Amino acid sequence: MSSAAKPRVFVCRQIPDVGLQMLASVCDVEVWPERLPPSAEVLRQKVRGLDGLVTLLTDRVDAALLDAAGPSLKVVSNFAVGFNNIDVAAATARGVRIGNTPGVLTDATAD
């Protein structure tokens, strides 16, 4: 009896362990290990054939990146309050869902 493959997700930067643990419990996760973000070229290579992508505001998600991902990409989740780095129309046209983390800065702002 074979089990279904886990969704493949690329995380563009280190995020809090609790988030990575949640992802890793249900997905095959690769995390970009460098302090600086991956270049656009590297990101286009990493995104090929993925099911999901976790980005930050510094990661541009445009039509070219979505095309490089191919039809398997189902979701882009921004670890940020906004989503100005994502071409929402291009994602919508390809059936890719977009998410963000609107409360991620609440505690920092309060402090």
Protein backbone atom coordinates (compact mmCIF):
# COMPACT_ATOMS: atom_id res chain seq x y z
CA MET A 1 0.00 0.00 0.00
CA SER A 2 1.65 3.22 -1.10
CA SER A 3 0.94 6.59 0.41
CA ALA A 4 0.35 9.68 -1.66
CA ALA A 5 3.29 12.02 -2.05
CA LYS A 6 3.30 15.05 0.20
CA PRO A 7 2.90 18.45 -1.42
CA ARG A 8 6.25 20.11 -2.18
CA VAL A 9 6.80 23.59 -0.77
CA PHE A 10 9.71 26.01 -1.03
CA VAL A 11 10.17 28.60 1.74
CA CYS A 12 12.15 31.60 0.52
CA ARG A 13 13.65 32.43 3.93
CA GLN A 14 13.83 31.22 7.48
CA ILE A 15 10.51 31.74 9.22
CA PRO A 16 9.63 30.96 12.85
CA ASP A 17 10.06 27.29 13.76
CA VAL A 18 6.39 26.87 14.64
CA GLY A 19 5.44 27.70 11.03
CA LEU A 20 8.11 25.44 9.57
CA GLN A 21 7.03 22.58 11.84
CA MET A 22 3.41 22.98 10.75
CA LEU A 23 4.44 22.89 7.10
CA ALA A 24 6.82 19.97 7.57
CA SER A 25 4.11 17.89 9.25
CA VAL A 26 2.12 17.76 6.00
CA CYS A 27 4.54 18.82 3.24
CA ASP A 28 8.00 18.15 1.88
CA VAL A 29 9.65 21.47 2.68
CA GLU A 30 12.83 23.07 1.39
CA VAL A 31 13.97 26.27 3.10
CA TRP A 32 16.36 28.76 1.49
CA PRO A 33 19.37 28.68 3.85
CA GLU A 34 20.94 32.07 3.08
CA ARG A 35 20.40 35.38 4.89
CA LEU A 36 19.77 37.21 1.63
CA PRO A 37 16.78 36.23 -0.54
CA PRO A 38 17.22 33.95 -3.53
CA SER A 39 17.74 35.75 -6.82
CA ALA A 40 14.90 35.80 -9.33
CA GLU A 41 16.80 33.25 -11.42
CA VAL A 42 17.29 30.87 -8.49
CA LEU A 43 13.68 31.28 -7.44
CA ARG A 44 12.51 30.39 -10.97
CA GLN A 45 14.58 27.20 -10.75
CA LYS A 46 13.36 26.30 -7.24
CA VAL A 47 9.68 26.83 -8.03
CA ARG A 48 9.48 24.32 -10.89
CA GLY A 49 6.97 21.60 -10.13
CA LEU A 50 6.12 22.85 -6.64
CA ASP A 51 2.72 22.76 -5.02
CA GLY A 52 3.33 25.73 -2.74
CA LEU A 53 5.60 28.69 -2.20
CA VAL A 54 6.15 30.74 0.97
CA THR A 55 7.48 34.19 0.15
CA LEU A 56 8.38 37.48 1.78
CA LEU A 57 7.77 40.97 0.40
CA THR A 58 11.23 40.93 -1.18
CA ASP A 59 10.28 37.95 -3.39
CA ARG A 60 8.61 39.07 -6.61
CA VAL A 61 5.87 36.69 -7.71
CA ASP A 62 5.01 37.68 -11.27
CA ALA A 63 3.73 35.97 -14.39
CA ALA A 64 7.23 34.75 -15.32
CA LEU A 65 7.69 33.05 -11.95
CA LEU A 66 4.21 31.53 -12.06
CA ASP A 67 4.89 30.22 -15.56
CA ALA A 68 8.20 28.74 -14.39
CA ALA A 69 6.34 26.93 -11.59
CA GLY A 70 3.95 25.32 -13.99
CA PRO A 71 0.44 24.03 -13.38
CA SER A 72 1.30 22.17 -10.17
CA LEU A 73 1.58 25.41 -8.15
CA LYS A 74 -1.58 25.79 -6.09
CA VAL A 75 -0.74 28.39 -3.45
CA VAL A 76 1.61 31.26 -2.69
CA SER A 77 1.63 32.34 0.92
CA ASN A 78 3.29 35.60 1.85
CA PHE A 79 4.91 35.78 5.27
CA ALA A 80 3.99 39.44 5.42
CA VAL A 81 1.06 41.72 6.09
CA GLY A 82 0.77 42.83 2.49
CA PHE A 83 1.04 41.23 -0.90
CA ASN A 84 2.34 44.02 -3.13
CA ASN A 85 5.08 41.67 -4.36
CA ILE A 86 2.52 39.32 -5.92
CA ASP A 87 0.82 39.82 -9.27
CA VAL A 88 -2.61 38.79 -8.03
CA ALA A 89 -4.21 38.97 -11.48
CA ALA A 90 -1.57 36.62 -12.93
CA ALA A 91 -2.01 34.22 -10.03
CA THR A 92 -5.80 34.31 -10.33
CA ALA A 93 -5.60 33.63 -14.07
CA ARG A 94 -3.59 30.49 -13.30
CA GLY A 95 -5.81 29.31 -10.44
CA VAL A 96 -3.11 29.95 -7.83
CA ARG A 97 -4.45 30.96 -4.43
CA ILE A 98 -2.74 33.78 -2.54
CA GLY A 99 -2.46 34.14 1.22
CA ASN A 100 -0.70 36.45 3.64
CA THR A 101 -0.24 36.82 7.38
CA PRO A 102 -2.12 39.98 8.33
CA GLY A 103 -1.46 39.72 12.08
CA VAL A 104 2.25 38.89 11.89
CA LEU A 105 3.37 42.36 13.04
CA THR A 106 0.69 43.06 15.64
CA ASP A 107 2.83 42.24 18.69
CA ALA A 108 5.90 44.03 17.31
CA THR A 109 3.83 47.12 16.60
CA ALA A 110 2.31 47.04 20.07
CA ASP A 111 5.74 46.78 21.70
